[in-house]
Amino acid sequence: MAFTKTTEQSSKYEHLEKMSVNELLTNINNEDKTVPLAVEKALPQIEALVTQTVASLKSGGRIFYIGAGTSGRLGVVDASECPPTFGVPFDLVNGIIAGGDTAIRRAVENAEDNATQAWIDLQAHNINQNDIVIGIAASGTTPYVIGGLEACNANNIVTGCITNNAGSPLALTAKFPVEVVVGPEFVTGSSRMKAGTAQKLVLNMISTATMIQLGKVKGNKMVDMQLSNIKLVDRGVKMIMGEIPVSYEEASELLKKYGSVRNAVDNYKK
């Protein structure tokens, strides 16, 4: 099957500049509605990737997301949200973006075209065979990401990917590819839109499902979340009250004493 970049095909909408604000928003929203359906079609691939990710982490490994531009930034976001949400170490889930942290805020020229830099960046984290590396690229052709996965494959490190074109070089490189085909963007080639939304949805699935499988959620609660602000402390207190028969004040004291919802509940009246 010939490889076609559907993310680069012309938008099905013409003369965007002549649309009213209402028309623009309605049409963008209509396109966005198609994204979850595209993700649904990729659920078997996502399941395979999550299953392997859980196995890697249970073996003492870590997750590394690598990407450039929007894709890289989304990986950084997902990685940065895991410690406060699930109480895991900051180096368990890692986001690496082409061009380094500077590129999170400002594009770094030609960074995505360097096919050898990702492996150098991964080696700085002492990457090893217990880890899993997930490349993210809407096009499926980004040299930085493909080169990184190729080096990982050569060093017996498990690889996965999230891409938005079927049959891309990236998907063919990854051992556990996820292909979410969202089609042409509302603004031709602007893959920060539907493609980026699809990537965010899949990243949510990967990290959340993995952490649940690792026991970081009890019932439906984030019992290991970091209590980093007043809102989260209040949520933690109420979670404790929902698990054991104590008042708000008693739950608050337990939370202060034991540091997490899980520990407070586990140590109640012990």
C-alpha atoms as a PDB file:
ATOM      1  CA  MET A   1       0.000   0.000   0.000  1.00  0.00           C
ATOM      2  CA  ALA A   2       1.385   3.390  -1.007  1.00  0.00           C
ATOM      3  CA  PHE A   3       2.019   5.782   1.861  1.00  0.00           C
ATOM      4  CA  THR A   4      -0.156   8.899   1.682  1.00  0.00           C
ATOM      5  CA  LYS A   5       0.055  11.784   4.136  1.00  0.00           C
ATOM      6  CA  THR A   6      -3.639  12.394   4.703  1.00  0.00           C
ATOM      7  CA  THR A   7      -2.710  14.986   7.326  1.00  0.00           C
ATOM      8  CA  GLU A   8      -1.210  17.068   4.499  1.00  0.00           C
ATOM      9  CA  GLN A   9      -4.104  16.787   2.085  1.00  0.00           C
ATOM     10  CA  SER A  10      -6.121  19.901   1.260  1.00  0.00           C
ATOM     11  CA  SER A  11      -8.877  20.896   3.666  1.00  0.00           C
ATOM     12  CA  LYS A  12     -12.401  20.115   2.526  1.00  0.00           C
ATOM     13  CA  TYR A  13     -13.307  23.691   3.426  1.00  0.00           C
ATOM     14  CA  GLU A  14     -12.585  26.605   1.094  1.00  0.00           C
ATOM     15  CA  HIS A  15     -12.268  30.370   1.605  1.00  0.00           C
ATOM     16  CA  LEU A  16     -11.844  30.205   5.358  1.00  0.00           C
ATOM     17  CA  GLU A  17     -11.149  33.919   5.485  1.00  0.00           C
ATOM     18  CA  LYS A  18     -14.690  34.600   4.240  1.00  0.00           C
ATOM     19  CA  MET A  19     -16.347  32.597   7.035  1.00  0.00           C
ATOM     20  CA  SER A  20     -17.984  34.273  10.023  1.00  0.00           C
ATOM     21  CA  VAL A  21     -16.730  33.454  13.515  1.00  0.00           C
ATOM     22  CA  ASN A  22     -19.759  31.212  14.002  1.00  0.00           C
ATOM     23  CA  GLU A  23     -19.050  29.355  10.772  1.00  0.00           C
ATOM     24  CA  LEU A  24     -15.389  28.913  11.686  1.00  0.00           C
ATOM     25  CA  LEU A  25     -16.171  27.549  15.131  1.00  0.00           C
ATOM     26  CA  THR A  26     -18.953  25.283  13.898  1.00  0.00           C
ATOM     27  CA  ASN A  27     -16.804  23.777  11.170  1.00  0.00           C
ATOM     28  CA  ILE A  28     -13.811  23.282  13.458  1.00  0.00           C
ATOM     29  CA  ASN A  29     -16.087  21.627  16.002  1.00  0.00           C
ATOM     30  CA  ASN A  30     -17.575  19.344  13.347  1.00  0.00           C
ATOM     31  CA  GLU A  31     -14.093  18.204  12.390  1.00  0.00           C
ATOM     32  CA  ASP A  32     -13.128  17.695  16.043  1.00  0.00           C
ATOM     33  CA  LYS A  33     -16.136  15.396  16.523  1.00  0.00           C
ATOM     34  CA  THR A  34     -14.517  12.884  14.166  1.00  0.00           C
ATOM     35  CA  VAL A  35     -11.391  12.468  16.292  1.00  0.00           C
ATOM     36  CA  PRO A  36     -12.729  10.113  19.023  1.00  0.00           C
ATOM     37  CA  LEU A  37     -14.128   7.838  16.312  1.00  0.00           C
ATOM     38  CA  ALA A  38     -10.703   7.676  14.693  1.00  0.00           C
ATOM     39  CA  VAL A  39      -9.175   6.834  18.084  1.00  0.00           C
ATOM     40  CA  GLU A  40     -11.777   4.093  18.576  1.00  0.00           C
ATOM     41  CA  LYS A  41     -10.602   2.367  15.407  1.00  0.00           C
ATOM     42  CA  ALA A  42      -7.082   2.251  16.849  1.00  0.00           C
ATOM     43  CA  LEU A  43      -8.084   0.732  20.214  1.00  0.00           C
ATOM     44  CA  PRO A  44      -6.548  -2.708  19.448  1.00  0.00           C
ATOM     45  CA  GLN A  45      -3.206  -1.027  18.700  1.00  0.00           C
ATOM     46  CA  ILE A  46      -3.466   1.141  21.815  1.00  0.00           C
ATOM     47  CA  GLU A  47      -4.258  -1.929  23.923  1.00  0.00           C
ATOM     48  CA  ALA A  48      -1.156  -3.721  22.653  1.00  0.00           C
ATOM     49  CA  LEU A  49       1.018  -0.689  23.415  1.00  0.00           C
ATOM     50  CA  VAL A  50      -0.437  -0.206  26.910  1.00  0.00           C
ATOM     51  CA  THR A  51      -0.041  -3.907  27.725  1.00  0.00           C
ATOM     52  CA  GLN A  52       3.626  -3.727  26.788  1.00  0.00           C
ATOM     53  CA  THR A  53       4.090  -0.447  28.645  1.00  0.00           C
ATOM     54  CA  VAL A  54       2.710  -1.986  31.845  1.00  0.00           C
ATOM     55  CA  ALA A  55       5.029  -4.970  31.432  1.00  0.00           C
ATOM     56  CA  SER A  56       8.025  -2.689  30.923  1.00  0.00           C
ATOM     57  CA  LEU A  57       7.281  -0.630  34.018  1.00  0.00           C
ATOM     58  CA  LYS A  58       6.664  -3.733  36.127  1.00  0.00           C
ATOM     59  CA  SER A  59      10.143  -4.861  35.063  1.00  0.00           C
ATOM     60  CA  GLY A  60      11.648  -1.656  36.434  1.00  0.00           C
ATOM     61  CA  GLY A  61      11.540   0.316  33.207  1.00  0.00           C
ATOM     62  CA  ARG A  62      10.485   3.859  32.387  1.00  0.00           C
ATOM     63  CA  ILE A  63       8.427   5.527  29.661  1.00  0.00           C
ATOM     64  CA  PHE A  64      10.087   7.937  27.246  1.00  0.00           C
ATOM     65  CA  TYR A  65       8.061  10.023  24.811  1.00  0.00           C
ATOM     66  CA  ILE A  66      10.052  11.572  21.971  1.00  0.00           C
ATOM     67  CA  GLY A  67       8.712  14.049  19.450  1.00  0.00           C
ATOM     68  CA  ALA A  68       9.153  17.388  17.721  1.00  0.00           C
ATOM     69  CA  GLY A  69       6.955  20.481  17.707  1.00  0.00           C
ATOM     70  CA  THR A  70       3.367  19.947  18.839  1.00  0.00           C
ATOM     71  CA  SER A  71       3.918  16.198  19.181  1.00  0.00           C
ATOM     72  CA  GLY A  72       6.929  16.714  21.417  1.00  0.00           C
ATOM     73  CA  ARG A  73       5.095  19.254  23.555  1.00  0.00           C
ATOM     74  CA  LEU A  74       2.161  16.890  24.077  1.00  0.00           C
ATOM     75  CA  GLY A  75       4.555  14.187  25.248  1.00  0.00           C
ATOM     76  CA  VAL A  76       6.143  16.619  27.705  1.00  0.00           C
ATOM     77  CA  VAL A  77       2.690  17.595  29.028  1.00  0.00           C
ATOM     78  CA  ASP A  78       1.615  13.995  29.604  1.00  0.00           C
ATOM     79  CA  ALA A  79       4.894  13.104  31.286  1.00  0.00           C
ATOM     80  CA  SER A  80       4.849  16.166  33.541  1.00  0.00           C
ATOM     81  CA  GLU A  81       1.322  15.429  34.746  1.00  0.00           C
ATOM     82  CA  CYS A  82       2.021  11.866  35.917  1.00  0.00           C
ATOM     83  CA  PRO A  83       3.896  12.673  39.168  1.00  0.00           C
ATOM     84  CA  PRO A  84       1.243  15.032  40.626  1.00  0.00           C
ATOM     85  CA  THR A  85      -1.649  12.867  39.449  1.00  0.00           C
ATOM     86  CA  PHE A  86      -0.353   9.443  40.402  1.00  0.00           C
ATOM     87  CA  GLY A  87       2.422  10.141  42.901  1.00  0.00           C
ATOM     88  CA  VAL A  88       5.107   8.473  40.797  1.00  0.00           C
ATOM     89  CA  PRO A  89       8.770   9.567  40.634  1.00  0.00           C
ATOM     90  CA  PHE A  90       9.541  12.384  38.220  1.00  0.00           C
ATOM     91  CA  ASP A  91      11.809  10.154  36.145  1.00  0.00           C
ATOM     92  CA  LEU A  92       9.266   7.355  35.583  1.00  0.00           C
ATOM     93  CA  VAL A  93       7.556   9.056  32.637  1.00  0.00           C
ATOM     94  CA  ASN A  94       9.764  11.339  30.554  1.00  0.00           C
ATOM     95  CA  GLY A  95       9.015  13.712  27.699  1.00  0.00           C
ATOM     96  CA  ILE A  96      11.854  14.588  25.327  1.00  0.00           C
ATOM     97  CA  ILE A  97      11.352  17.203  22.612  1.00  0.00           C
ATOM     98  CA  ALA A  98      13.615  17.855  19.627  1.00  0.00           C
ATOM     99  CA  GLY A  99      15.631  20.979  20.340  1.00  0.00           C
ATOM    100  CA  GLY A 100      15.503  20.519  24.109  1.00  0.00           C
ATOM    101  CA  ASP A 101      13.361  22.328  26.656  1.00  0.00           C
ATOM    102  CA  THR A 102      13.765  25.620  24.771  1.00  0.00           C
ATOM    103  CA  ALA A 103      11.585  24.115  22.037  1.00  0.00           C
ATOM    104  CA  ILE A 104       8.662  23.728  24.437  1.00  0.00           C
ATOM    105  CA  ARG A 105       7.999  27.459  24.132  1.00  0.00           C
ATOM    106  CA  ARG A 106       9.762  28.431  20.920  1.00  0.00           C
ATOM    107  CA  ALA A 107      10.431  26.376  17.788  1.00  0.00           C
ATOM    108  CA  VAL A 108      14.069  25.367  17.298  1.00  0.00           C
ATOM    109  CA  GLU A 109      15.024  25.520  13.630  1.00  0.00           C
ATOM    110  CA  ASN A 110      15.769  22.170  11.948  1.00  0.00           C
ATOM    111  CA  ALA A 111      15.728  20.265  15.261  1.00  0.00           C
ATOM    112  CA  GLU A 112      13.252  17.705  13.939  1.00  0.00           C
ATOM    113  CA  ASP A 113      15.460  16.956  10.926  1.00  0.00           C
ATOM    114  CA  ASN A 114      18.356  15.559  12.977  1.00  0.00           C
ATOM    115  CA  ALA A 115      18.054  11.773  12.780  1.00  0.00           C
ATOM    116  CA  THR A 116      20.784  11.046  15.351  1.00  0.00           C
ATOM    117  CA  GLN A 117      19.979  13.525  18.123  1.00  0.00           C
ATOM    118  CA  ALA A 118      17.110  11.581  19.746  1.00  0.00           C
ATOM    119  CA  TRP A 119      19.406   8.671  20.604  1.00  0.00           C
ATOM    120  CA  ILE A 120      21.911  11.123  22.107  1.00  0.00           C
ATOM    121  CA  ASP A 121      19.101  12.686  24.141  1.00  0.00           C
ATOM    122  CA  LEU A 122      17.912   9.268  25.337  1.00  0.00           C
ATOM    123  CA  GLN A 123      21.429   8.206  26.318  1.00  0.00           C
ATOM    124  CA  ALA A 124      21.603  11.265  28.579  1.00  0.00           C
ATOM    125  CA  HIS A 125      18.892   9.525  30.624  1.00  0.00           C
ATOM    126  CA  ASN A 126      20.813   6.230  30.712  1.00  0.00           C
ATOM    127  CA  ILE A 127      18.213   4.501  28.537  1.00  0.00           C
ATOM    128  CA  ASN A 128      18.232   0.723  28.963  1.00  0.00           C
ATOM    129  CA  GLN A 129      16.461  -2.445  27.822  1.00  0.00           C
ATOM    130  CA  ASN A 130      13.825  -2.253  30.570  1.00  0.00           C
ATOM    131  CA  ASP A 131      12.535   1.060  29.223  1.00  0.00           C
ATOM    132  CA  ILE A 132       9.964   1.728  26.501  1.00  0.00           C
ATOM    133  CA  VAL A 133      10.282   4.579  24.004  1.00  0.00           C
ATOM    134  CA  ILE A 134       7.162   5.967  22.297  1.00  0.00           C
ATOM    135  CA  GLY A 135       7.718   8.219  19.296  1.00  0.00           C
ATOM    136  CA  ILE A 136       5.050  10.810  18.516  1.00  0.00           C
ATOM    137  CA  ALA A 137       4.728  12.368  15.058  1.00  0.00           C
ATOM    138  CA  ALA A 138       1.588  13.329  13.163  1.00  0.00           C
ATOM    139  CA  SER A 139       3.256  12.910   9.774  1.00  0.00           C
ATOM    140  CA  GLY A 140       5.013   9.668  10.655  1.00  0.00           C
ATOM    141  CA  THR A 141       8.082  10.916   8.808  1.00  0.00           C
ATOM    142  CA  THR A 142       9.956  13.055  11.374  1.00  0.00           C
ATOM    143  CA  PRO A 143      13.664  12.093  11.183  1.00  0.00           C
ATOM    144  CA  TYR A 144      14.314  12.893  14.859  1.00  0.00           C
ATOM    145  CA  VAL A 145      11.637  10.434  15.972  1.00  0.00           C
ATOM    146  CA  ILE A 146      12.299   7.707  13.405  1.00  0.00           C
ATOM    147  CA  GLY A 147      16.049   7.843  14.051  1.00  0.00           C
ATOM    148  CA  GLY A 148      15.434   7.536  17.783  1.00  0.00           C
ATOM    149  CA  LEU A 149      13.252   4.456  17.389  1.00  0.00           C
ATOM    150  CA  GLU A 150      15.678   2.846  14.946  1.00  0.00           C
ATOM    151  CA  ALA A 151      18.499   3.241  17.477  1.00  0.00           C
ATOM    152  CA  CYS A 152      16.288   1.791  20.208  1.00  0.00           C
ATOM    153  CA  ASN A 153      15.388  -1.196  18.040  1.00  0.00           C
ATOM    154  CA  ALA A 154      19.081  -1.798  17.383  1.00  0.00           C
ATOM    155  CA  ASN A 155      19.711  -1.784  21.135  1.00  0.00           C
ATOM    156  CA  ASN A 156      16.805  -4.110  22.052  1.00  0.00           C
ATOM    157  CA  ILE A 157      14.729  -1.346  23.633  1.00  0.00           C
ATOM    158  CA  VAL A 158      10.954  -1.671  23.121  1.00  0.00           C
ATOM    159  CA  THR A 159       9.465   0.937  20.813  1.00  0.00           C
ATOM    160  CA  GLY A 160       5.970   2.271  20.197  1.00  0.00           C
ATOM    161  CA  CYS A 161       4.576   5.233  18.333  1.00  0.00           C
ATOM    162  CA  ILE A 162       1.571   7.507  17.884  1.00  0.00           C
ATOM    163  CA  THR A 163       1.058   8.807  14.368  1.00  0.00           C
ATOM    164  CA  ASN A 164      -1.793  10.082  12.201  1.00  0.00           C
ATOM    165  CA  ASN A 165      -1.010   8.606   8.802  1.00  0.00           C
ATOM    166  CA  ALA A 166      -1.515   4.948   7.925  1.00  0.00           C
ATOM    167  CA  GLY A 167       1.511   2.954   6.810  1.00  0.00           C
ATOM    168  CA  SER A 168       4.037   5.667   7.651  1.00  0.00           C
ATOM    169  CA  PRO A 169       7.783   5.049   8.028  1.00  0.00           C
ATOM    170  CA  LEU A 170       7.396   5.682  11.771  1.00  0.00           C
ATOM    171  CA  ALA A 171       4.641   3.082  12.150  1.00  0.00           C
ATOM    172  CA  LEU A 172       6.755   0.572  10.216  1.00  0.00           C
ATOM    173  CA  THR A 173       9.701   1.276  12.538  1.00  0.00           C
ATOM    174  CA  ALA A 174       7.869   0.965  15.864  1.00  0.00           C
ATOM    175  CA  LYS A 175       7.280  -2.474  17.362  1.00  0.00           C
ATOM    176  CA  PHE A 176       3.941  -1.288  18.781  1.00  0.00           C
ATOM    177  CA  PRO A 177       2.517   1.329  16.400  1.00  0.00           C
ATOM    178  CA  VAL A 178      -0.660   3.315  17.022  1.00  0.00           C
ATOM    179  CA  GLU A 179      -2.132   4.880  13.881  1.00  0.00           C
ATOM    180  CA  VAL A 180      -5.030   7.302  14.382  1.00  0.00           C
ATOM    181  CA  VAL A 181      -6.051   8.490  10.923  1.00  0.00           C
ATOM    182  CA  VAL A 182      -7.904  11.778  11.336  1.00  0.00           C
ATOM    183  CA  GLY A 183      -7.761  12.935   7.703  1.00  0.00           C
ATOM    184  CA  PRO A 184      -7.170  16.454   6.362  1.00  0.00           C
ATOM    185  CA  GLU A 185      -7.108  19.332   8.827  1.00  0.00           C
ATOM    186  CA  PHE A 186      -9.524  22.295   8.806  1.00  0.00           C
ATOM    187  CA  VAL A 187      -6.533  24.506   7.999  1.00  0.00           C
ATOM    188  CA  THR A 188      -4.545  22.471   5.483  1.00  0.00           C
ATOM    189  CA  GLY A 189      -1.532  20.818   7.112  1.00  0.00           C
ATOM    190  CA  SER A 190      -2.136  22.299  10.590  1.00  0.00           C
ATOM    191  CA  SER A 191      -1.610  19.044  12.461  1.00  0.00           C
ATOM    192  CA  ARG A 192      -1.752  20.776  15.834  1.00  0.00           C
ATOM    193  CA  MET A 193      -5.528  20.558  15.364  1.00  0.00           C
ATOM    194  CA  LYS A 194      -7.202  17.132  14.850  1.00  0.00           C
ATOM    195  CA  ALA A 195      -3.931  15.213  14.822  1.00  0.00           C
ATOM    196  CA  GLY A 196      -2.782  16.908  18.021  1.00  0.00           C
ATOM    197  CA  THR A 197      -6.138  16.260  19.674  1.00  0.00           C
ATOM    198  CA  ALA A 198      -5.915  12.581  18.734  1.00  0.00           C
ATOM    199  CA  GLN A 199      -2.396  12.346  20.142  1.00  0.00           C
ATOM    200  CA  LYS A 200      -3.532  13.929  23.423  1.00  0.00           C
ATOM    201  CA  LEU A 201      -6.407  11.439  23.715  1.00  0.00           C
ATOM    202  CA  VAL A 202      -4.101   8.478  23.116  1.00  0.00           C
ATOM    203  CA  LEU A 203      -1.499   9.789  25.568  1.00  0.00           C
ATOM    204  CA  ASN A 204      -4.237  10.150  28.194  1.00  0.00           C
ATOM    205  CA  MET A 205      -5.174   6.521  27.560  1.00  0.00           C
ATOM    206  CA  ILE A 206      -1.610   5.229  27.739  1.00  0.00           C
ATOM    207  CA  SER A 207      -0.583   6.956  30.962  1.00  0.00           C
ATOM    208  CA  THR A 208      -3.916   6.602  32.762  1.00  0.00           C
ATOM    209  CA  ALA A 209      -4.504   2.946  31.890  1.00  0.00           C
ATOM    210  CA  THR A 210      -0.884   2.115  32.727  1.00  0.00           C
ATOM    211  CA  MET A 211      -1.021   3.813  36.119  1.00  0.00           C
ATOM    212  CA  ILE A 212      -4.310   2.101  36.981  1.00  0.00           C
ATOM    213  CA  GLN A 213      -2.776  -1.252  36.058  1.00  0.00           C
ATOM    214  CA  LEU A 214       0.154  -0.420  38.340  1.00  0.00           C
ATOM    215  CA  GLY A 215      -2.208   0.178  41.269  1.00  0.00           C
ATOM    216  CA  LYS A 216      -2.024   3.966  41.384  1.00  0.00           C
ATOM    217  CA  VAL A 217      -5.820   4.352  41.491  1.00  0.00           C
ATOM    218  CA  LYS A 218      -8.177   2.861  44.067  1.00  0.00           C
ATOM    219  CA  GLY A 219     -11.826   2.576  43.102  1.00  0.00           C
ATOM    220  CA  ASN A 220     -11.921   5.643  40.885  1.00  0.00           C
ATOM    221  CA  LYS A 221      -9.774   7.904  43.064  1.00  0.00           C
ATOM    222  CA  MET A 222      -6.238   9.283  42.689  1.00  0.00           C
ATOM    223  CA  VAL A 223      -5.161   7.997  46.086  1.00  0.00           C
ATOM    224  CA  ASP A 224      -1.461   8.714  45.460  1.00  0.00           C
ATOM    225  CA  MET A 225      -1.827  12.238  44.046  1.00  0.00           C
ATOM    226  CA  GLN A 226       0.547  14.926  45.281  1.00  0.00           C
ATOM    227  CA  LEU A 227      -1.112  17.429  47.619  1.00  0.00           C
ATOM    228  CA  SER A 228       0.397  20.481  45.965  1.00  0.00           C
ATOM    229  CA  ASN A 229      -2.370  23.051  46.478  1.00  0.00           C
ATOM    230  CA  ILE A 230      -5.452  23.836  48.583  1.00  0.00           C
ATOM    231  CA  LYS A 231      -7.848  22.336  46.032  1.00  0.00           C
ATOM    232  CA  LEU A 232      -6.035  19.007  45.998  1.00  0.00           C
ATOM    233  CA  VAL A 233      -5.746  18.885  49.780  1.00  0.00           C
ATOM    234  CA  ASP A 234      -9.502  19.473  50.048  1.00  0.00           C
ATOM    235  CA  ARG A 235     -10.123  16.748  47.483  1.00  0.00           C
ATOM    236  CA  GLY A 236      -7.855  14.392  49.402  1.00  0.00           C
ATOM    237  CA  VAL A 237      -9.676  15.065  52.677  1.00  0.00           C
ATOM    238  CA  LYS A 238     -13.035  14.340  51.060  1.00  0.00           C
ATOM    239  CA  MET A 239     -11.670  11.161  49.487  1.00  0.00           C
ATOM    240  CA  ILE A 240     -10.614   9.957  52.923  1.00  0.00           C
ATOM    241  CA  MET A 241     -14.070  10.766  54.311  1.00  0.00           C
ATOM    242  CA  GLY A 242     -15.553   8.662  51.521  1.00  0.00           C
ATOM    243  CA  GLU A 243     -13.433   5.663  52.522  1.00  0.00           C
ATOM    244  CA  ILE A 244     -13.526   5.733  56.317  1.00  0.00           C
ATOM    245  CA  PRO A 245     -16.012   7.120  58.896  1.00  0.00           C
ATOM    246  CA  VAL A 246     -14.267  10.325  59.991  1.00  0.00           C
ATOM    247  CA  SER A 247     -15.106  14.029  60.067  1.00  0.00           C
ATOM    248  CA  TYR A 248     -13.524  16.607  57.777  1.00  0.00           C
ATOM    249  CA  GLU A 249     -11.210  17.707  60.611  1.00  0.00           C
ATOM    250  CA  GLU A 250     -10.170  14.121  61.423  1.00  0.00           C
ATOM    251  CA  ALA A 251      -9.560  13.345  57.751  1.00  0.00           C
ATOM    252  CA  SER A 252      -7.484  16.502  57.432  1.00  0.00           C
ATOM    253  CA  GLU A 253      -5.307  15.469  60.363  1.00  0.00           C
ATOM    254  CA  LEU A 254      -4.837  11.982  58.939  1.00  0.00           C
ATOM    255  CA  LEU A 255      -3.824  13.448  55.596  1.00  0.00           C
ATOM    256  CA  LYS A 256      -1.288  15.752  57.238  1.00  0.00           C
ATOM    257  CA  LYS A 257       0.124  12.873  59.278  1.00  0.00           C
ATOM    258  CA  TYR A 258       0.419  10.275  56.525  1.00  0.00           C
ATOM    259  CA  GLY A 259       0.944  12.442  53.432  1.00  0.00           C
ATOM    260  CA  SER A 260      -1.401  10.695  51.005  1.00  0.00           C
ATOM    261  CA  VAL A 261      -4.958   9.448  50.803  1.00  0.00           C
ATOM    262  CA  ARG A 262      -3.791   5.853  50.450  1.00  0.00           C
ATOM    263  CA  ASN A 263      -1.547   5.994  53.518  1.00  0.00           C
ATOM    264  CA  ALA A 264      -4.167   7.782  55.590  1.00  0.00           C
ATOM    265  CA  VAL A 265      -6.808   5.160  54.837  1.00  0.00           C
ATOM    266  CA  ASP A 266      -4.418   2.211  55.190  1.00  0.00           C
ATOM    267  CA  ASN A 267      -3.187   3.411  58.596  1.00  0.00           C
ATOM    268  CA  TYR A 268      -6.576   4.333  60.052  1.00  0.00           C
ATOM    269  CA  LYS A 269      -6.984   2.733  63.509  1.00  0.00           C
ATOM    270  CA  LYS A 270      -3.941   0.513  63.054  1.00  0.00           C
END
